[in-house]
Amino acid sequence: MIKIPISFLLITFFATNLECFSQEEGIATAMDKTPIHYKIIGKGEPLLIINGGPGMNSSGFEGLANKLASGNEVILYDQRGTGGSKLSVLDSTTINMKLMIGDIESLRQYMHIEKWIILGHSFGGMLASYYAVLHPEHIKKIILSSSGGIDLGLLSYVSSSINSKLTKEELQAVNYWTQQISSGDTSYHARIERGMNLAPAYVYDRKWVPVIAERLTQGNSRINQLVWDDLRKIKFNCLNLLSSFDQPVLIIQGKQDIVKPETAELSHKAFKNSTVVFIDHCVHYGWLDNEVDYLKAVKNFLKK
């Protein structure tokens, strides 16, 4: 079996790009003066979406935001160093979990929100869980969507999980184009070829492959590596730090997800007031593979 470097595989914790029309857009300022670009869609109870990555902007979540905006003020933001949240220097002093949590808090304060609902997808679920450790008083509910978990357990299996969903030919192509990019070919052609061969691991219905592949061309591998390095450095593990968190939590992911059920069950153990929902015919993107069941579960949770 061809092995793909773990640092590359983890950059694919991202979201898909669907058209939407935002109602408001602006820039908040983080504690270290980093600009945090945000968009607001809809009206109602504040709901912050934390996208996956790390190293991806939030544009891929605009489609999901539109689907949830009928009863909520859905807030999207570009994580530091991505999209409109520009950074001139990318190193361990500008990209780390502490600063990323600080960005979320700066955004909350800027918007004068006392409590909000948080939806964290993939890596975004890990960031949401860490935010619940550090700022539980500002959370009303949490939705962990195909979350990477509350610790680093997924590092032990995610590579093989992704590989198992690709054909031999796709694995060979991903390996080839990854090597080409690492050797300096950062052209769109190289990136989209890699994306087209890697994307099938993330969706049940292959009609979504071109959409996923396009998003894969946008990842920042430097940011991705810095975040995972920091997670290892801080020995990321929220299991025993969430014992007092009692707000409702929905843990939702596909039955065919690259994230194992054990990861969801461990989050269920950590969040004592949580519910786990597994969706059939679904890999990593519930609102694409099984939109009806995914949105039904999420919207019912939001209404409770």
Protein backbone atom coordinates (compact mmCIF):
# COMPACT_ATOMS: atom_id res chain seq x y z
CA MET A 1 0.00 0.00 0.00
CA ILE A 2 1.26 3.44 -0.92
CA LYS A 3 1.53 5.65 2.13
CA ILE A 4 0.74 9.34 1.94
CA PRO A 5 2.54 11.64 4.41
CA ILE A 6 0.32 12.32 7.43
CA SER A 7 1.03 16.06 7.28
CA PHE A 8 -0.46 16.12 3.79
CA LEU A 9 -3.44 13.95 4.60
CA LEU A 10 -4.51 16.08 7.52
CA ILE A 11 -4.78 19.19 5.39
CA THR A 12 -7.86 17.63 3.85
CA PHE A 13 -9.95 18.31 6.94
CA PHE A 14 -11.76 21.03 5.08
CA ALA A 15 -15.19 21.98 3.73
CA THR A 16 -16.78 22.18 0.32
CA ASN A 17 -17.42 25.36 -1.60
CA LEU A 18 -21.04 26.19 -2.35
CA GLU A 19 -22.49 29.51 -3.50
CA CYS A 20 -24.13 31.80 -0.97
CA PHE A 21 -24.98 35.44 -0.44
CA SER A 22 -23.69 36.87 2.81
CA GLN A 23 -25.59 39.63 4.57
CA GLU A 24 -22.65 41.19 6.35
CA GLU A 25 -18.88 41.03 6.10
CA GLY A 26 -16.13 42.66 8.11
CA ILE A 27 -12.87 42.48 10.02
CA ALA A 28 -12.42 41.98 13.76
CA THR A 29 -9.03 42.36 15.44
CA ALA A 30 -7.37 39.61 17.45
CA MET A 31 -5.39 40.21 20.64
CA ASP A 32 -2.13 40.26 18.68
CA LYS A 33 -3.65 42.64 16.09
CA THR A 34 -4.20 39.90 13.48
CA PRO A 35 -7.22 40.79 11.30
CA ILE A 36 -10.00 38.18 11.58
CA HIS A 37 -12.24 38.23 8.54
CA TYR A 38 -15.86 37.20 9.12
CA LYS A 39 -19.21 36.87 7.34
CA ILE A 40 -22.70 36.80 8.84
CA ILE A 41 -25.61 35.03 7.16
CA GLY A 42 -29.19 35.08 8.44
CA LYS A 43 -30.79 36.37 11.62
CA GLY A 44 -31.56 34.81 14.97
CA GLU A 45 -29.57 33.03 17.61
CA PRO A 46 -25.79 33.35 17.01
CA LEU A 47 -24.19 30.20 15.59
CA LEU A 48 -20.44 30.16 14.93
CA ILE A 49 -19.15 27.68 12.35
CA ILE A 50 -15.53 26.61 12.77
CA ASN A 51 -14.29 25.05 9.54
CA GLY A 52 -11.87 22.21 9.17
CA GLY A 53 -8.33 22.22 7.91
CA PRO A 54 -6.23 23.36 9.50
CA GLY A 55 -5.02 25.75 6.83
CA MET A 56 -8.33 26.24 5.01
CA ASN A 57 -10.50 29.36 4.80
CA SER A 58 -14.21 29.40 5.58
CA SER A 59 -15.60 29.87 2.08
CA GLY A 60 -16.46 26.19 1.76
CA PHE A 61 -19.01 26.46 4.56
CA GLU A 62 -21.17 29.15 3.00
CA GLY A 63 -23.50 26.52 1.56
CA LEU A 64 -24.03 24.94 4.98
CA ALA A 65 -24.43 28.38 6.55
CA ASN A 66 -27.25 29.18 4.12
CA LYS A 67 -29.02 25.95 5.07
CA LEU A 68 -28.90 26.90 8.77
CA ALA A 69 -29.58 30.62 8.42
CA SER A 70 -33.38 30.48 8.52
CA GLY A 71 -33.42 30.56 12.32
CA ASN A 72 -29.88 31.57 13.18
CA GLU A 73 -27.35 34.31 12.72
CA VAL A 74 -24.65 32.11 11.24
CA ILE A 75 -21.12 33.44 11.63
CA LEU A 76 -18.24 32.27 9.45
CA TYR A 77 -14.67 33.37 9.97
CA ASP A 78 -11.32 32.73 8.32
CA GLN A 79 -8.88 31.14 10.74
CA ARG A 80 -5.65 33.11 11.13
CA GLY A 81 -3.40 33.02 8.09
CA THR A 82 -6.21 31.92 5.76
CA GLY A 83 -8.58 33.85 3.49
CA GLY A 84 -9.02 37.42 4.65
CA SER A 85 -7.29 36.83 8.01
CA LYS A 86 -3.86 37.75 6.69
CA LEU A 87 -0.56 37.07 8.45
CA SER A 88 2.82 38.32 7.23
CA VAL A 89 4.72 35.67 9.21
CA LEU A 90 3.79 32.01 9.54
CA ASP A 91 5.65 30.32 12.39
CA SER A 92 5.00 28.85 15.82
CA THR A 93 4.67 32.31 17.35
CA THR A 94 1.80 33.28 15.04
CA ILE A 95 0.09 29.91 14.45
CA ASN A 96 -0.86 27.91 17.55
CA MET A 97 -3.96 26.72 19.40
CA LYS A 98 -3.78 29.40 22.09
CA LEU A 99 -3.92 32.17 19.52
CA MET A 100 -6.65 30.41 17.53
CA ILE A 101 -8.84 30.19 20.63
CA GLY A 102 -8.05 33.84 21.31
CA ASP A 103 -9.28 34.71 17.82
CA ILE A 104 -12.66 33.09 18.55
CA GLU A 105 -12.95 35.02 21.81
CA SER A 106 -11.95 38.28 20.13
CA LEU A 107 -14.65 37.71 17.53
CA ARG A 108 -17.27 37.02 20.22
CA GLN A 109 -16.36 40.15 22.12
CA TYR A 110 -16.30 42.23 18.94
CA MET A 111 -19.84 41.09 18.14
CA HIS A 112 -21.04 41.62 21.74
CA ILE A 113 -22.32 38.05 22.02
CA GLU A 114 -22.70 36.68 25.53
CA LYS A 115 -23.35 33.05 24.53
CA TRP A 116 -23.39 31.35 21.16
CA ILE A 117 -23.84 27.96 19.58
CA ILE A 118 -20.71 26.46 18.06
CA LEU A 119 -20.56 24.05 15.13
CA GLY A 120 -17.10 22.63 14.61
CA HIS A 121 -16.43 20.41 11.62
CA SER A 122 -13.47 18.00 11.42
CA PHE A 123 -10.44 19.89 12.82
CA GLY A 124 -12.95 22.60 13.69
CA GLY A 125 -14.51 20.12 16.13
CA MET A 126 -11.19 19.83 17.91
CA LEU A 127 -10.95 23.60 18.11
CA ALA A 128 -14.54 23.79 19.40
CA SER A 129 -13.79 21.21 22.09
CA TYR A 130 -10.72 23.17 23.22
CA TYR A 131 -12.78 26.37 23.28
CA ALA A 132 -15.26 24.54 25.56
CA VAL A 133 -12.39 23.81 27.93
CA LEU A 134 -11.17 27.41 28.07
CA HIS A 135 -14.40 29.39 27.68
CA PRO A 136 -17.35 27.17 28.65
CA GLU A 137 -19.33 30.11 30.04
CA HIS A 138 -19.85 31.53 26.55
CA ILE A 139 -21.28 28.38 24.94
CA LYS A 140 -24.96 27.54 24.72
CA LYS A 141 -24.67 24.39 22.60
CA ILE A 142 -22.05 22.54 20.56
CA ILE A 143 -22.34 20.54 17.35
CA LEU A 144 -19.34 18.33 16.61
CA SER A 145 -19.61 17.46 12.92
CA SER A 146 -17.23 14.68 11.83
CA SER A 147 -14.95 16.01 14.54
CA GLY A 148 -11.30 15.05 14.77
CA GLY A 149 -11.93 14.35 18.44
CA ILE A 150 -10.93 15.53 21.88
CA ASP A 151 -7.41 14.12 21.75
CA LEU A 152 -4.85 13.05 19.13
CA GLY A 153 -6.13 9.51 18.77
CA LEU A 154 -7.00 9.97 15.10
CA LEU A 155 -3.31 10.32 14.26
CA SER A 156 -2.94 6.59 14.85
CA TYR A 157 -5.38 5.62 12.11
CA VAL A 158 -6.43 8.47 9.80
CA SER A 159 -3.77 7.76 7.17
CA SER A 160 -4.79 4.13 6.72
CA SER A 161 -8.47 5.12 6.91
CA ILE A 162 -8.06 7.49 3.98
CA ASN A 163 -5.93 5.05 2.00
CA SER A 164 -8.52 2.31 2.40
CA LYS A 165 -11.12 4.39 0.56
CA LEU A 166 -8.96 4.98 -2.52
CA THR A 167 -8.20 2.64 -5.40
CA LYS A 168 -4.64 1.56 -6.11
CA GLU A 169 -4.58 3.89 -9.10
CA GLU A 170 -5.82 6.83 -7.03
CA LEU A 171 -3.22 6.20 -4.36
CA GLN A 172 -0.47 6.08 -6.96
CA ALA A 173 -1.68 9.34 -8.49
CA VAL A 174 -1.93 11.08 -5.11
CA ASN A 175 1.59 9.95 -4.25
CA TYR A 176 2.91 11.12 -7.61
CA TRP A 177 1.33 14.57 -7.50
CA THR A 178 2.27 15.05 -3.85
CA GLN A 179 5.90 14.43 -4.80
CA GLN A 180 5.62 16.84 -7.72
CA ILE A 181 4.23 19.57 -5.48
CA SER A 182 6.86 18.93 -2.82
CA SER A 183 9.49 19.29 -5.55
CA GLY A 184 8.26 22.74 -6.45
CA ASP A 185 5.41 22.27 -8.92
CA THR A 186 2.70 24.27 -7.19
CA SER A 187 0.74 24.86 -10.38
CA TYR A 188 -3.04 24.59 -10.38
CA HIS A 189 -2.76 21.56 -12.64
CA ALA A 190 -0.66 19.66 -10.10
CA ARG A 191 -2.91 20.65 -7.21
CA ILE A 192 -6.18 19.77 -8.94
CA GLU A 193 -4.81 16.43 -10.17
CA ARG A 194 -3.84 15.55 -6.63
CA GLY A 195 -7.23 16.75 -5.38
CA MET A 196 -9.23 14.76 -7.92
CA ASN A 197 -7.52 11.56 -6.84
CA LEU A 198 -7.70 12.23 -3.10
CA ALA A 199 -11.24 13.62 -2.89
CA PRO A 200 -12.99 10.22 -3.34
CA ALA A 201 -11.88 9.27 0.19
CA TYR A 202 -14.11 11.98 1.67
CA VAL A 203 -17.48 11.48 0.00
CA TYR A 204 -19.93 8.62 -0.42
CA ASP A 205 -21.39 10.04 -3.62
CA ARG A 206 -18.63 10.65 -6.14
CA LYS A 207 -20.54 13.42 -7.86
CA TRP A 208 -19.07 15.67 -5.16
CA VAL A 209 -15.45 14.79 -6.04
CA PRO A 210 -14.84 17.87 -8.26
CA VAL A 211 -16.12 20.18 -5.50
CA ILE A 212 -13.90 18.56 -2.87
CA ALA A 213 -10.94 18.52 -5.25
CA GLU A 214 -11.25 22.25 -5.87
CA ARG A 215 -11.14 22.93 -2.14
CA LEU A 216 -8.07 20.74 -1.84
CA THR A 217 -6.19 23.12 -4.11
CA GLN A 218 -6.61 25.91 -1.54
CA GLY A 219 -5.00 24.41 1.56
CA ASN A 220 -1.95 25.97 3.21
CA SER A 221 0.40 23.13 4.14
CA ARG A 222 2.61 25.40 6.27
CA ILE A 223 -0.29 26.37 8.54
CA ASN A 224 -1.47 22.78 8.62
CA GLN A 225 1.89 21.52 9.84
CA LEU A 226 2.29 24.29 12.42
CA VAL A 227 -1.09 23.52 13.99
CA TRP A 228 -0.48 19.78 14.22
CA ASP A 229 2.99 20.45 15.65
CA ASP A 230 1.41 22.64 18.33
CA LEU A 231 -1.27 20.05 19.12
CA ARG A 232 1.49 17.53 19.77
CA LYS A 233 3.47 20.08 21.77
CA ILE A 234 0.57 20.83 24.12
CA LYS A 235 -0.36 17.12 24.23
CA PHE A 236 -3.90 17.94 23.19
CA ASN A 237 -6.36 15.98 25.33
CA CYS A 238 -9.63 17.41 26.61
CA LEU A 239 -11.06 14.24 28.16
CA ASN A 240 -10.56 15.15 31.81
CA LEU A 241 -10.96 18.90 31.26
CA LEU A 242 -14.60 18.78 30.19
CA SER A 243 -16.06 17.07 33.26
CA SER A 244 -17.90 20.21 34.37
CA PHE A 245 -19.24 21.16 30.94
CA ASP A 246 -22.98 20.44 30.97
CA GLN A 247 -24.37 22.26 27.94
CA PRO A 248 -26.02 20.14 25.20
CA VAL A 249 -23.71 18.62 22.60
CA LEU A 250 -24.60 16.90 19.33
CA ILE A 251 -21.93 14.57 17.94
CA ILE A 252 -22.74 13.70 14.33
CA GLN A 253 -20.79 11.91 11.62
CA GLY A 254 -21.13 9.45 8.75
CA LYS A 255 -21.15 5.72 9.30
CA GLN A 256 -18.56 5.50 6.54
CA ASP A 257 -16.51 8.45 7.81
CA ILE A 258 -12.72 8.48 7.76
CA VAL A 259 -13.13 9.37 11.45
CA LYS A 260 -13.73 6.16 13.39
CA PRO A 261 -16.82 5.72 15.61
CA GLU A 262 -14.47 5.32 18.57
CA THR A 263 -13.45 8.97 18.21
CA ALA A 264 -17.08 10.08 18.43
CA GLU A 265 -17.71 7.77 21.39
CA LEU A 266 -14.76 9.25 23.28
CA SER A 267 -16.19 12.73 22.75
CA HIS A 268 -19.53 11.38 23.98
CA LYS A 269 -17.77 10.21 27.14
CA ALA A 270 -16.15 13.61 27.70
CA PHE A 271 -19.31 15.66 27.12
CA LYS A 272 -21.77 14.31 29.69
CA ASN A 273 -24.81 16.01 28.12
CA SER A 274 -24.19 14.72 24.60
CA THR A 275 -25.96 12.70 21.92
CA VAL A 276 -24.28 10.72 19.15
CA VAL A 277 -25.84 10.39 15.69
CA PHE A 278 -24.32 8.24 12.95
CA ILE A 279 -25.64 8.84 9.42
CA ASP A 280 -25.67 6.07 6.83
CA HIS A 281 -24.42 6.47 3.25
CA CYS A 282 -22.19 9.28 4.44
CA VAL A 283 -18.44 9.79 4.74
CA HIS A 284 -17.02 13.14 5.90
CA TYR A 285 -19.60 15.66 4.67
CA GLY A 286 -23.07 14.97 5.97
CA TRP A 287 -24.72 17.96 4.30
CA LEU A 288 -23.52 16.66 0.92
CA ASP A 289 -23.75 12.87 1.13
CA ASN A 290 -26.97 12.70 3.15
CA GLU A 291 -28.36 16.22 3.36
CA VAL A 292 -31.81 15.22 4.58
CA ASP A 293 -30.71 13.20 7.61
CA TYR A 294 -27.82 15.51 8.49
CA LEU A 295 -29.89 18.71 8.45
CA LYS A 296 -32.80 17.04 10.22
CA ALA A 297 -30.56 16.03 13.13
CA VAL A 298 -28.80 19.40 13.30
CA LYS A 299 -31.97 21.51 13.04
CA ASN A 300 -33.82 19.41 15.61
CA PHE A 301 -30.91 19.89 17.99
CA LEU A 302 -30.90 23.65 17.38
CA LYS A 303 -34.62 23.90 18.10
CA LYS A 304 -34.50 22.04 21.42
